[in-house]
Amino acid sequence: MPPPQPTEPLRRVPQQARSRQRFNQILEAAAQVFEEVGYEAASTELIAARAQTSIGSLYRFFPDKFSILLALAEHFAEQMRELFAANCNASAAHEPLAQVLSRTVDAFDTLYTTQPGCRTVMLQSRVTPELQAVNTRVDREIVVQLEVFLALRQPQMAAERRQVAAFVSVEVAGALQLLSLAQDEQLHQQIVAETKQVLIGYLGPLFPDPP
């Protein structure tokens, strides 16, 4: 069942250091609570207690539990952008493509599975339009980053062809990695390994390693 939409817009991230610290404490606490009990069982009271703040302080920043979930989605989206940029950039353009793809898939899987709350946010995105919109936006940004990376390897290829290859790769990888998060650990690892093989098999012939 999808989470309800917030009754009010998310408050702005505070600018003052003390308020910003409290805001981040609440987000961190929410991530831990979502990880431990799941989104449905979590409550603003549980989150405030974990953050060691009053429920009134929590409501200064967030109108409800869903707004906290959405803020966490934005937080993880920023981490995804940074993660991709760190793994697929100009310095990696001349590395073996299989090595770059494998490292990038592993990096995203580590984010999804080790950052408290990230798995919950990703799985909720399957049924929640607002979270889907966050994922779609960051996916489109990563498509652009990947196309730039692929252009460094095959500058003679038509830009439109590279764009399609980047779009397909990001969509396939995202779908498979999201699928993996809903499985037991053994199947999860198998899907991660298959994700790498799918990407290598698709992109390898298009963007071969230099001799």
N, C-alpha and C. Protein backbone atom coordinates (compact mmCIF):
# COMPACT_ATOMS: atom_id res chain seq x y z
N MET A 1 0.85 -1.20 0.00
CA MET A 1 0.00 0.00 0.00
C MET A 1 0.88 1.24 0.00
N PRO A 2 0.70 2.15 -0.95
CA PRO A 2 1.56 3.33 -1.02
C PRO A 2 1.39 4.22 0.20
N PRO A 3 2.46 4.87 0.65
CA PRO A 3 2.33 5.84 1.73
C PRO A 3 1.46 7.00 1.29
N PRO A 4 0.71 7.62 2.19
CA PRO A 4 -0.09 8.77 1.82
C PRO A 4 0.77 9.96 1.48
N GLN A 5 0.24 10.85 0.68
CA GLN A 5 0.97 12.07 0.35
C GLN A 5 0.98 12.98 1.57
N PRO A 6 2.02 13.81 1.71
CA PRO A 6 2.07 14.74 2.83
C PRO A 6 0.96 15.77 2.73
N THR A 7 0.42 16.17 3.87
CA THR A 7 -0.65 17.16 3.88
C THR A 7 -0.11 18.56 3.63
N GLU A 8 1.17 18.77 3.86
CA GLU A 8 1.81 20.05 3.63
C GLU A 8 3.11 19.82 2.87
N PRO A 9 3.62 20.85 2.18
CA PRO A 9 4.92 20.69 1.52
C PRO A 9 6.03 20.49 2.54
N LEU A 10 7.08 19.84 2.11
CA LEU A 10 8.26 19.69 2.96
C LEU A 10 8.83 21.06 3.29
N ARG A 11 9.17 21.27 4.55
CA ARG A 11 9.81 22.53 4.94
C ARG A 11 11.17 22.65 4.24
N ARG A 12 11.63 23.86 4.07
CA ARG A 12 12.96 24.06 3.50
C ARG A 12 14.04 23.56 4.44
N VAL A 13 15.15 23.08 3.87
CA VAL A 13 16.29 22.70 4.70
C VAL A 13 16.80 23.95 5.40
N PRO A 14 16.95 23.94 6.70
CA PRO A 14 17.37 25.14 7.42
C PRO A 14 18.79 25.57 7.04
N GLN A 15 19.05 26.84 7.15
CA GLN A 15 20.35 27.38 6.77
C GLN A 15 21.28 27.55 7.96
N GLN A 16 20.73 27.81 9.14
CA GLN A 16 21.57 27.98 10.31
C GLN A 16 22.17 26.65 10.72
N ALA A 17 23.41 26.67 11.18
CA ALA A 17 24.14 25.44 11.47
C ALA A 17 23.43 24.57 12.50
N ARG A 18 22.91 25.18 13.56
CA ARG A 18 22.28 24.39 14.61
C ARG A 18 21.01 23.72 14.12
N SER A 19 20.20 24.46 13.38
CA SER A 19 18.97 23.88 12.84
C SER A 19 19.27 22.83 11.79
N ARG A 20 20.30 23.08 10.97
CA ARG A 20 20.67 22.11 9.95
C ARG A 20 21.14 20.81 10.60
N GLN A 21 21.87 20.93 11.71
CA GLN A 21 22.32 19.74 12.42
C GLN A 21 21.12 18.95 12.95
N ARG A 22 20.12 19.63 13.49
CA ARG A 22 18.93 18.96 14.00
C ARG A 22 18.17 18.28 12.86
N PHE A 23 18.06 18.97 11.74
CA PHE A 23 17.41 18.41 10.55
C PHE A 23 18.09 17.11 10.13
N ASN A 24 19.41 17.13 10.07
CA ASN A 24 20.16 15.95 9.66
C ASN A 24 20.06 14.82 10.69
N GLN A 25 20.00 15.18 11.97
CA GLN A 25 19.83 14.17 13.01
C GLN A 25 18.50 13.44 12.84
N ILE A 26 17.46 14.19 12.49
CA ILE A 26 16.15 13.58 12.29
C ILE A 26 16.17 12.65 11.07
N LEU A 27 16.82 13.10 9.99
CA LEU A 27 16.92 12.24 8.82
C LEU A 27 17.68 10.96 9.13
N GLU A 28 18.79 11.09 9.85
CA GLU A 28 19.59 9.92 10.20
C GLU A 28 18.80 8.97 11.09
N ALA A 29 18.08 9.53 12.04
CA ALA A 29 17.26 8.70 12.92
C ALA A 29 16.15 8.00 12.14
N ALA A 30 15.53 8.72 11.22
CA ALA A 30 14.47 8.12 10.41
C ALA A 30 15.01 6.96 9.58
N ALA A 31 16.18 7.14 9.00
CA ALA A 31 16.79 6.07 8.20
C ALA A 31 16.99 4.83 9.05
N GLN A 32 17.44 5.00 10.29
CA GLN A 32 17.65 3.86 11.18
C GLN A 32 16.33 3.19 11.56
N VAL A 33 15.32 3.99 11.84
CA VAL A 33 14.02 3.44 12.22
C VAL A 33 13.39 2.71 11.04
N PHE A 34 13.44 3.31 9.85
CA PHE A 34 12.89 2.64 8.67
C PHE A 34 13.60 1.32 8.42
N GLU A 35 14.91 1.30 8.62
CA GLU A 35 15.70 0.08 8.42
C GLU A 35 15.29 -1.00 9.41
N GLU A 36 15.03 -0.60 10.64
CA GLU A 36 14.78 -1.59 11.69
C GLU A 36 13.36 -2.11 11.71
N VAL A 37 12.38 -1.23 11.49
CA VAL A 37 10.98 -1.67 11.64
C VAL A 37 10.17 -1.57 10.36
N GLY A 38 10.76 -0.97 9.30
CA GLY A 38 10.01 -0.79 8.06
C GLY A 38 9.24 0.51 8.07
N TYR A 39 8.83 0.95 6.88
CA TYR A 39 8.15 2.24 6.78
C TYR A 39 6.80 2.21 7.48
N GLU A 40 6.02 1.15 7.27
CA GLU A 40 4.66 1.11 7.80
C GLU A 40 4.64 1.17 9.32
N ALA A 41 5.56 0.48 9.96
CA ALA A 41 5.57 0.44 11.43
C ALA A 41 6.24 1.66 12.06
N ALA A 42 6.97 2.41 11.27
CA ALA A 42 7.64 3.60 11.80
C ALA A 42 6.62 4.69 12.11
N SER A 43 7.00 5.57 12.99
CA SER A 43 6.14 6.71 13.34
C SER A 43 7.01 7.92 13.62
N THR A 44 6.41 9.09 13.55
CA THR A 44 7.16 10.30 13.86
C THR A 44 7.61 10.30 15.32
N GLU A 45 6.82 9.68 16.20
CA GLU A 45 7.22 9.60 17.61
C GLU A 45 8.48 8.75 17.77
N LEU A 46 8.52 7.61 17.08
CA LEU A 46 9.71 6.77 17.14
C LEU A 46 10.93 7.50 16.59
N ILE A 47 10.73 8.21 15.50
CA ILE A 47 11.84 8.92 14.87
C ILE A 47 12.34 10.05 15.76
N ALA A 48 11.42 10.80 16.35
CA ALA A 48 11.83 11.89 17.26
C ALA A 48 12.59 11.34 18.46
N ALA A 49 12.12 10.23 19.00
CA ALA A 49 12.81 9.64 20.16
C ALA A 49 14.20 9.19 19.77
N ARG A 50 14.35 8.56 18.59
CA ARG A 50 15.67 8.11 18.15
C ARG A 50 16.60 9.30 17.91
N ALA A 51 16.04 10.40 17.43
CA ALA A 51 16.84 11.61 17.17
C ALA A 51 17.11 12.40 18.44
N GLN A 52 16.51 11.96 19.55
CA GLN A 52 16.65 12.65 20.83
C GLN A 52 16.22 14.11 20.71
N THR A 53 15.06 14.27 20.09
CA THR A 53 14.48 15.60 19.95
C THR A 53 12.99 15.50 20.23
N SER A 54 12.35 16.63 20.41
CA SER A 54 10.91 16.63 20.67
C SER A 54 10.13 16.44 19.38
N ILE A 55 8.91 15.95 19.52
CA ILE A 55 8.07 15.79 18.34
C ILE A 55 7.77 17.16 17.72
N GLY A 56 7.72 18.19 18.55
CA GLY A 56 7.50 19.54 18.03
C GLY A 56 8.65 20.00 17.15
N SER A 57 9.88 19.67 17.56
CA SER A 57 11.05 20.01 16.74
C SER A 57 11.01 19.29 15.40
N LEU A 58 10.59 18.02 15.43
CA LEU A 58 10.47 17.28 14.17
C LEU A 58 9.47 17.95 13.25
N TYR A 59 8.32 18.35 13.80
CA TYR A 59 7.28 18.95 12.96
C TYR A 59 7.65 20.34 12.45
N ARG A 60 8.66 20.96 13.05
CA ARG A 60 9.14 22.23 12.50
C ARG A 60 9.71 22.03 11.10
N PHE A 61 10.28 20.86 10.85
CA PHE A 61 10.92 20.56 9.57
C PHE A 61 10.06 19.70 8.65
N PHE A 62 9.33 18.76 9.25
CA PHE A 62 8.60 17.77 8.45
C PHE A 62 7.14 17.72 8.89
N PRO A 63 6.21 17.86 7.96
CA PRO A 63 4.80 17.81 8.34
C PRO A 63 4.32 16.42 8.73
N ASP A 64 4.99 15.36 8.24
CA ASP A 64 4.56 14.00 8.54
C ASP A 64 5.66 13.01 8.17
N LYS A 65 5.38 11.75 8.40
CA LYS A 65 6.36 10.68 8.15
C LYS A 65 6.73 10.59 6.67
N PHE A 66 5.75 10.76 5.80
CA PHE A 66 6.03 10.63 4.38
C PHE A 66 7.01 11.71 3.90
N SER A 67 6.90 12.90 4.44
CA SER A 67 7.83 13.96 4.08
C SER A 67 9.27 13.61 4.45
N ILE A 68 9.43 12.90 5.55
CA ILE A 68 10.76 12.45 5.94
C ILE A 68 11.27 11.41 4.94
N LEU A 69 10.40 10.50 4.55
CA LEU A 69 10.77 9.49 3.55
C LEU A 69 11.20 10.15 2.25
N LEU A 70 10.46 11.17 1.84
CA LEU A 70 10.77 11.87 0.60
C LEU A 70 12.10 12.62 0.71
N ALA A 71 12.36 13.21 1.86
CA ALA A 71 13.64 13.90 2.07
C ALA A 71 14.79 12.91 2.04
N LEU A 72 14.58 11.73 2.59
CA LEU A 72 15.61 10.69 2.51
C LEU A 72 15.86 10.26 1.07
N ALA A 73 14.78 10.17 0.29
CA ALA A 73 14.94 9.82 -1.13
C ALA A 73 15.81 10.84 -1.84
N GLU A 74 15.60 12.11 -1.57
CA GLU A 74 16.43 13.15 -2.17
C GLU A 74 17.87 13.05 -1.71
N HIS A 75 18.05 12.71 -0.44
CA HIS A 75 19.40 12.55 0.12
C HIS A 75 20.14 11.41 -0.59
N PHE A 76 19.47 10.29 -0.76
CA PHE A 76 20.11 9.15 -1.42
C PHE A 76 20.32 9.42 -2.91
N ALA A 77 19.42 10.19 -3.52
CA ALA A 77 19.58 10.54 -4.93
C ALA A 77 20.87 11.33 -5.14
N GLU A 78 21.16 12.24 -4.22
CA GLU A 78 22.40 13.01 -4.33
C GLU A 78 23.61 12.10 -4.18
N GLN A 79 23.52 11.12 -3.28
CA GLN A 79 24.62 10.17 -3.14
C GLN A 79 24.81 9.36 -4.41
N MET A 80 23.73 9.00 -5.07
CA MET A 80 23.82 8.24 -6.32
C MET A 80 24.52 9.06 -7.40
N ARG A 81 24.17 10.32 -7.52
CA ARG A 81 24.83 11.18 -8.51
C ARG A 81 26.34 11.22 -8.26
N GLU A 82 26.71 11.43 -7.00
CA GLU A 82 28.12 11.53 -6.66
C GLU A 82 28.83 10.19 -6.88
N LEU A 83 28.15 9.10 -6.56
CA LEU A 83 28.73 7.77 -6.72
C LEU A 83 29.01 7.47 -8.19
N PHE A 84 28.06 7.81 -9.03
CA PHE A 84 28.26 7.54 -10.46
C PHE A 84 29.41 8.39 -11.00
N ALA A 85 29.42 9.66 -10.63
CA ALA A 85 30.48 10.55 -11.10
C ALA A 85 31.85 10.09 -10.64
N ALA A 86 31.93 9.48 -9.47
CA ALA A 86 33.21 9.01 -8.95
C ALA A 86 33.71 7.77 -9.68
N ASN A 87 32.80 7.01 -10.30
CA ASN A 87 33.19 5.76 -10.94
C ASN A 87 33.25 5.83 -12.46
N CYS A 88 32.45 6.67 -13.06
CA CYS A 88 32.43 6.80 -14.53
C CYS A 88 32.79 8.24 -14.89
N ASN A 89 34.07 8.49 -15.05
CA ASN A 89 34.55 9.83 -15.32
C ASN A 89 35.71 9.76 -16.30
N ALA A 90 36.30 10.90 -16.59
CA ALA A 90 37.36 10.94 -17.60
C ALA A 90 38.55 10.06 -17.21
N SER A 91 38.87 9.99 -15.93
CA SER A 91 40.02 9.19 -15.52
C SER A 91 39.78 7.70 -15.71
N ALA A 92 38.51 7.29 -15.80
CA ALA A 92 38.18 5.87 -15.97
C ALA A 92 37.90 5.52 -17.42
N ALA A 93 37.94 6.51 -18.31
CA ALA A 93 37.53 6.28 -19.70
C ALA A 93 38.40 5.28 -20.43
N HIS A 94 39.66 5.12 -20.00
CA HIS A 94 40.57 4.20 -20.69
C HIS A 94 40.80 2.91 -19.92
N GLU A 95 40.07 2.72 -18.83
CA GLU A 95 40.11 1.45 -18.11
C GLU A 95 39.31 0.41 -18.88
N PRO A 96 39.56 -0.88 -18.64
CA PRO A 96 38.69 -1.90 -19.24
C PRO A 96 37.23 -1.66 -18.85
N LEU A 97 36.35 -1.68 -19.86
CA LEU A 97 34.96 -1.33 -19.60
C LEU A 97 34.32 -2.28 -18.59
N ALA A 98 34.64 -3.57 -18.68
CA ALA A 98 34.07 -4.53 -17.74
C ALA A 98 34.44 -4.18 -16.31
N GLN A 99 35.65 -3.69 -16.11
CA GLN A 99 36.10 -3.30 -14.78
C GLN A 99 35.31 -2.10 -14.26
N VAL A 100 35.10 -1.12 -15.13
CA VAL A 100 34.37 0.08 -14.73
C VAL A 100 32.92 -0.27 -14.39
N LEU A 101 32.28 -1.06 -15.24
CA LEU A 101 30.88 -1.42 -15.02
C LEU A 101 30.71 -2.25 -13.76
N SER A 102 31.59 -3.22 -13.57
CA SER A 102 31.50 -4.07 -12.38
C SER A 102 31.68 -3.25 -11.11
N ARG A 103 32.66 -2.36 -11.12
CA ARG A 103 32.92 -1.51 -9.95
C ARG A 103 31.72 -0.61 -9.65
N THR A 104 31.10 -0.07 -10.70
CA THR A 104 29.98 0.84 -10.52
C THR A 104 28.76 0.11 -9.98
N VAL A 105 28.46 -1.06 -10.52
CA VAL A 105 27.34 -1.85 -10.02
C VAL A 105 27.56 -2.20 -8.55
N ASP A 106 28.77 -2.61 -8.20
CA ASP A 106 29.07 -2.93 -6.80
C ASP A 106 28.92 -1.71 -5.90
N ALA A 107 29.34 -0.56 -6.38
CA ALA A 107 29.25 0.66 -5.57
C ALA A 107 27.79 1.01 -5.27
N PHE A 108 26.94 0.89 -6.27
CA PHE A 108 25.52 1.18 -6.05
C PHE A 108 24.90 0.14 -5.12
N ASP A 109 25.27 -1.12 -5.31
CA ASP A 109 24.71 -2.16 -4.45
C ASP A 109 25.14 -1.94 -3.00
N THR A 110 26.36 -1.51 -2.80
CA THR A 110 26.83 -1.22 -1.44
C THR A 110 26.03 -0.08 -0.82
N LEU A 111 25.74 0.94 -1.61
CA LEU A 111 24.92 2.05 -1.11
C LEU A 111 23.55 1.54 -0.70
N TYR A 112 22.92 0.77 -1.58
CA TYR A 112 21.56 0.30 -1.31
C TYR A 112 21.49 -0.60 -0.09
N THR A 113 22.53 -1.37 0.16
CA THR A 113 22.44 -2.41 1.19
C THR A 113 23.14 -2.08 2.50
N THR A 114 23.96 -1.05 2.52
CA THR A 114 24.68 -0.73 3.76
C THR A 114 24.25 0.60 4.38
N GLN A 115 23.68 1.50 3.59
CA GLN A 115 23.21 2.76 4.15
C GLN A 115 21.84 2.56 4.79
N PRO A 116 21.71 2.77 6.09
CA PRO A 116 20.41 2.55 6.74
C PRO A 116 19.30 3.33 6.03
N GLY A 117 18.20 2.63 5.78
CA GLY A 117 17.03 3.26 5.17
C GLY A 117 17.02 3.27 3.66
N CYS A 118 18.18 3.05 3.03
CA CYS A 118 18.23 3.17 1.57
C CYS A 118 17.42 2.07 0.90
N ARG A 119 17.54 0.84 1.37
CA ARG A 119 16.76 -0.25 0.80
C ARG A 119 15.26 0.03 0.94
N THR A 120 14.85 0.53 2.10
CA THR A 120 13.44 0.85 2.32
C THR A 120 12.95 1.90 1.33
N VAL A 121 13.74 2.95 1.15
CA VAL A 121 13.36 4.01 0.21
C VAL A 121 13.25 3.45 -1.20
N MET A 122 14.21 2.64 -1.62
CA MET A 122 14.20 2.10 -2.97
C MET A 122 13.01 1.18 -3.19
N LEU A 123 12.69 0.34 -2.22
CA LEU A 123 11.56 -0.57 -2.38
C LEU A 123 10.23 0.19 -2.35
N GLN A 124 10.14 1.23 -1.55
CA GLN A 124 8.92 2.03 -1.52
C GLN A 124 8.71 2.76 -2.84
N SER A 125 9.80 3.02 -3.55
CA SER A 125 9.68 3.75 -4.82
C SER A 125 8.92 2.94 -5.86
N ARG A 126 8.80 1.63 -5.66
CA ARG A 126 8.07 0.81 -6.62
C ARG A 126 6.57 1.10 -6.58
N VAL A 127 6.08 1.62 -5.45
CA VAL A 127 4.64 1.81 -5.29
C VAL A 127 4.25 3.25 -4.98
N THR A 128 5.23 4.13 -4.93
CA THR A 128 4.97 5.50 -4.51
C THR A 128 5.36 6.48 -5.62
N PRO A 129 4.39 7.14 -6.25
CA PRO A 129 4.71 8.02 -7.39
C PRO A 129 5.72 9.10 -7.06
N GLU A 130 5.65 9.69 -5.86
CA GLU A 130 6.57 10.76 -5.52
C GLU A 130 8.02 10.26 -5.46
N LEU A 131 8.21 9.06 -4.92
CA LEU A 131 9.56 8.49 -4.88
C LEU A 131 9.99 8.04 -6.27
N GLN A 132 9.05 7.53 -7.05
CA GLN A 132 9.37 7.17 -8.43
C GLN A 132 9.87 8.39 -9.19
N ALA A 133 9.25 9.53 -8.94
CA ALA A 133 9.66 10.76 -9.63
C ALA A 133 11.09 11.15 -9.26
N VAL A 134 11.46 10.97 -7.99
CA VAL A 134 12.83 11.26 -7.57
C VAL A 134 13.80 10.34 -8.29
N ASN A 135 13.47 9.04 -8.32
CA ASN A 135 14.34 8.07 -9.00
C ASN A 135 14.45 8.36 -10.49
N THR A 136 13.33 8.72 -11.09
CA THR A 136 13.34 9.01 -12.53
C THR A 136 14.24 10.20 -12.82
N ARG A 137 14.16 11.22 -11.98
CA ARG A 137 14.98 12.41 -12.19
C ARG A 137 16.47 12.10 -12.09
N VAL A 138 16.84 11.36 -11.05
CA VAL A 138 18.28 11.05 -10.90
C VAL A 138 18.73 10.10 -11.99
N ASP A 139 17.87 9.19 -12.43
CA ASP A 139 18.23 8.30 -13.54
C ASP A 139 18.51 9.10 -14.81
N ARG A 140 17.71 10.11 -15.07
CA ARG A 140 17.93 10.92 -16.27
C ARG A 140 19.25 11.68 -16.19
N GLU A 141 19.59 12.12 -15.00
CA GLU A 141 20.87 12.81 -14.82
C GLU A 141 22.04 11.84 -15.01
N ILE A 142 21.88 10.62 -14.53
CA ILE A 142 22.94 9.62 -14.70
C ILE A 142 23.06 9.21 -16.16
N VAL A 143 21.95 9.17 -16.88
CA VAL A 143 22.00 8.89 -18.33
C VAL A 143 22.90 9.91 -19.02
N VAL A 144 22.74 11.17 -18.67
CA VAL A 144 23.57 12.22 -19.27
C VAL A 144 25.04 11.99 -18.92
N GLN A 145 25.31 11.69 -17.66
CA GLN A 145 26.69 11.42 -17.23
C GLN A 145 27.28 10.23 -17.98
N LEU A 146 26.48 9.17 -18.13
CA LEU A 146 26.97 7.98 -18.81
C LEU A 146 27.24 8.25 -20.29
N GLU A 147 26.38 9.04 -20.91
CA GLU A 147 26.60 9.37 -22.33
C GLU A 147 27.90 10.15 -22.50
N VAL A 148 28.20 11.05 -21.58
CA VAL A 148 29.46 11.79 -21.63
C VAL A 148 30.63 10.83 -21.48
N PHE A 149 30.52 9.88 -20.56
CA PHE A 149 31.57 8.89 -20.35
C PHE A 149 31.76 8.03 -21.61
N LEU A 150 30.66 7.59 -22.21
CA LEU A 150 30.75 6.76 -23.41
C LEU A 150 31.33 7.55 -24.58
N ALA A 151 31.07 8.84 -24.63
CA ALA A 151 31.62 9.67 -25.71
C ALA A 151 33.14 9.74 -25.63
N LEU A 152 33.68 9.65 -24.43
CA LEU A 152 35.14 9.64 -24.28
C LEU A 152 35.74 8.37 -24.88
N ARG A 153 34.96 7.29 -24.87
CA ARG A 153 35.45 6.02 -25.41
C ARG A 153 35.20 5.89 -26.91
N GLN A 154 34.10 6.44 -27.37
CA GLN A 154 33.74 6.33 -28.79
C GLN A 154 33.24 7.67 -29.31
N PRO A 155 34.14 8.66 -29.43
CA PRO A 155 33.70 9.99 -29.87
C PRO A 155 33.16 10.00 -31.30
N GLN A 156 33.54 9.01 -32.11
CA GLN A 156 33.09 8.98 -33.49
C GLN A 156 31.66 8.45 -33.64
N MET A 157 31.13 7.83 -32.60
CA MET A 157 29.77 7.32 -32.66
C MET A 157 28.77 8.47 -32.62
N ALA A 158 27.67 8.33 -33.34
CA ALA A 158 26.63 9.36 -33.35
C ALA A 158 26.12 9.58 -31.93
N ALA A 159 25.94 10.83 -31.58
CA ALA A 159 25.49 11.17 -30.22
C ALA A 159 24.17 10.50 -29.89
N GLU A 160 23.27 10.45 -30.85
CA GLU A 160 21.97 9.83 -30.59
C GLU A 160 22.12 8.36 -30.24
N ARG A 161 23.03 7.67 -30.89
CA ARG A 161 23.25 6.25 -30.59
C ARG A 161 23.81 6.07 -29.19
N ARG A 162 24.73 6.93 -28.81
CA ARG A 162 25.28 6.85 -27.45
C ARG A 162 24.19 7.14 -26.41
N GLN A 163 23.35 8.10 -26.71
CA GLN A 163 22.29 8.46 -25.77
C GLN A 163 21.34 7.30 -25.55
N VAL A 164 20.98 6.61 -26.63
CA VAL A 164 20.10 5.46 -26.50
C VAL A 164 20.78 4.36 -25.68
N ALA A 165 22.05 4.11 -25.95
CA ALA A 165 22.79 3.09 -25.21
C ALA A 165 22.85 3.44 -23.72
N ALA A 166 23.09 4.70 -23.42
CA ALA A 166 23.14 5.14 -22.02
C ALA A 166 21.78 4.99 -21.35
N PHE A 167 20.73 5.38 -22.05
CA PHE A 167 19.37 5.30 -21.50
C PHE A 167 18.99 3.85 -21.20
N VAL A 168 19.22 2.96 -22.16
CA VAL A 168 18.89 1.55 -21.97
C VAL A 168 19.70 0.97 -20.81
N SER A 169 20.97 1.28 -20.74
CA SER A 169 21.83 0.73 -19.69
C SER A 169 21.37 1.15 -18.30
N VAL A 170 21.05 2.42 -18.14
CA VAL A 170 20.62 2.91 -16.82
C VAL A 170 19.28 2.30 -16.43
N GLU A 171 18.36 2.21 -17.40
CA GLU A 171 17.05 1.63 -17.10
C GLU A 171 17.16 0.16 -16.72
N VAL A 172 17.95 -0.59 -17.47
CA VAL A 172 18.12 -2.02 -17.19
C VAL A 172 18.80 -2.23 -15.84
N ALA A 173 19.88 -1.50 -15.61
CA ALA A 173 20.60 -1.64 -14.34
C ALA A 173 19.70 -1.28 -13.16
N GLY A 174 18.95 -0.19 -13.29
CA GLY A 174 18.08 0.23 -12.20
C GLY A 174 17.00 -0.80 -11.90
N ALA A 175 16.39 -1.34 -12.95
CA ALA A 175 15.33 -2.33 -12.76
C ALA A 175 15.87 -3.60 -12.10
N LEU A 176 17.03 -4.06 -12.56
CA LEU A 176 17.60 -5.28 -11.99
C LEU A 176 18.07 -5.08 -10.55
N GLN A 177 18.68 -3.95 -10.28
CA GLN A 177 19.15 -3.72 -8.92
C GLN A 177 17.98 -3.55 -7.96
N LEU A 178 16.90 -2.91 -8.41
CA LEU A 178 15.71 -2.80 -7.57
C LEU A 178 15.11 -4.18 -7.33
N LEU A 179 15.08 -5.01 -8.37
CA LEU A 179 14.59 -6.38 -8.20
C LEU A 179 15.43 -7.13 -7.18
N SER A 180 16.73 -6.94 -7.21
CA SER A 180 17.62 -7.69 -6.31
C SER A 180 17.35 -7.37 -4.85
N LEU A 181 16.92 -6.14 -4.56
CA LEU A 181 16.72 -5.72 -3.18
C LEU A 181 15.55 -6.42 -2.51
N ALA A 182 14.65 -6.97 -3.31
CA ALA A 182 13.47 -7.64 -2.76
C ALA A 182 13.67 -9.14 -2.57
N GLN A 183 14.90 -9.63 -2.83
CA GLN A 183 15.16 -11.06 -2.78
C GLN A 183 15.96 -11.44 -1.54
N ASP A 184 16.04 -12.76 -1.29
CA ASP A 184 16.93 -13.22 -0.22
C ASP A 184 18.37 -12.99 -0.65
N GLU A 185 19.30 -13.13 0.29
CA GLU A 185 20.67 -12.71 0.03
C GLU A 185 21.31 -13.48 -1.11
N GLN A 186 21.06 -14.78 -1.20
CA GLN A 186 21.68 -15.56 -2.27
C GLN A 186 21.22 -15.11 -3.64
N LEU A 187 19.91 -14.96 -3.81
CA LEU A 187 19.38 -14.51 -5.10
C LEU A 187 19.77 -13.07 -5.37
N HIS A 188 19.84 -12.28 -4.31
CA HIS A 188 20.28 -10.89 -4.46
C HIS A 188 21.66 -10.84 -5.10
N GLN A 189 22.59 -11.60 -4.58
CA GLN A 189 23.95 -11.60 -5.11
C GLN A 189 23.99 -12.13 -6.55
N GLN A 190 23.16 -13.12 -6.85
CA GLN A 190 23.12 -13.65 -8.20
C GLN A 190 22.62 -12.60 -9.19
N ILE A 191 21.60 -11.83 -8.79
CA ILE A 191 21.07 -10.80 -9.68
C ILE A 191 22.09 -9.69 -9.89
N VAL A 192 22.81 -9.33 -8.84
CA VAL A 192 23.87 -8.32 -8.98
C VAL A 192 24.91 -8.79 -10.00
N ALA A 193 25.32 -10.05 -9.89
CA ALA A 193 26.30 -10.60 -10.83
C ALA A 193 25.73 -10.60 -12.25
N GLU A 194 24.47 -10.96 -12.40
CA GLU A 194 23.85 -10.97 -13.73
C GLU A 194 23.73 -9.56 -14.29
N THR A 195 23.48 -8.59 -13.42
CA THR A 195 23.40 -7.19 -13.87
C THR A 195 24.70 -6.78 -14.54
N LYS A 196 25.81 -7.14 -13.91
CA LYS A 196 27.11 -6.82 -14.51
C LYS A 196 27.26 -7.47 -15.88
N GLN A 197 26.88 -8.74 -15.98
CA GLN A 197 27.04 -9.46 -17.25
C GLN A 197 26.15 -8.87 -18.34
N VAL A 198 24.95 -8.48 -17.98
CA VAL A 198 24.04 -7.86 -18.95
C VAL A 198 24.64 -6.57 -19.49
N LEU A 199 25.14 -5.72 -18.60
CA LEU A 199 25.71 -4.44 -19.03
C LEU A 199 26.98 -4.64 -19.86
N ILE A 200 27.83 -5.56 -19.42
CA ILE A 200 29.07 -5.81 -20.16
C ILE A 200 28.75 -6.38 -21.54
N GLY A 201 27.78 -7.30 -21.59
CA GLY A 201 27.42 -7.90 -22.86
C GLY A 201 26.79 -6.91 -23.82
N TYR A 202 26.07 -5.94 -23.29
CA TYR A 202 25.42 -4.94 -24.14
C TYR A 202 26.38 -3.84 -24.57
N LEU A 203 27.11 -3.27 -23.61
CA LEU A 203 27.96 -2.12 -23.92
C LEU A 203 29.32 -2.51 -24.48
N GLY A 204 29.80 -3.70 -24.12
CA GLY A 204 31.13 -4.10 -24.57
C GLY A 204 31.32 -4.05 -26.08
N PRO A 205 30.44 -4.65 -26.87
CA PRO A 205 30.61 -4.59 -28.33
C PRO A 205 30.48 -3.19 -28.90
N LEU A 206 29.70 -2.34 -28.25
CA LEU A 206 29.50 -0.98 -28.75
C LEU A 206 30.68 -0.06 -28.41
N PHE A 207 31.28 -0.32 -27.24
CA PHE A 207 32.37 0.54 -26.76
C PHE A 207 33.55 -0.33 -26.34
N PRO A 208 34.19 -0.98 -27.31
CA PRO A 208 35.26 -1.92 -27.00
C PRO A 208 36.47 -1.21 -26.38
N ASP A 209 37.22 -2.00 -25.61
CA ASP A 209 38.44 -1.46 -25.01
C ASP A 209 39.45 -1.16 -26.12
N PRO A 210 40.24 -0.11 -25.96
CA PRO A 210 41.26 0.17 -26.96
C PRO A 210 42.31 -0.93 -27.01
N PRO A 211 42.91 -1.17 -28.17
CA PRO A 211 43.92 -2.22 -28.28
C PRO A 211 45.15 -1.91 -27.42
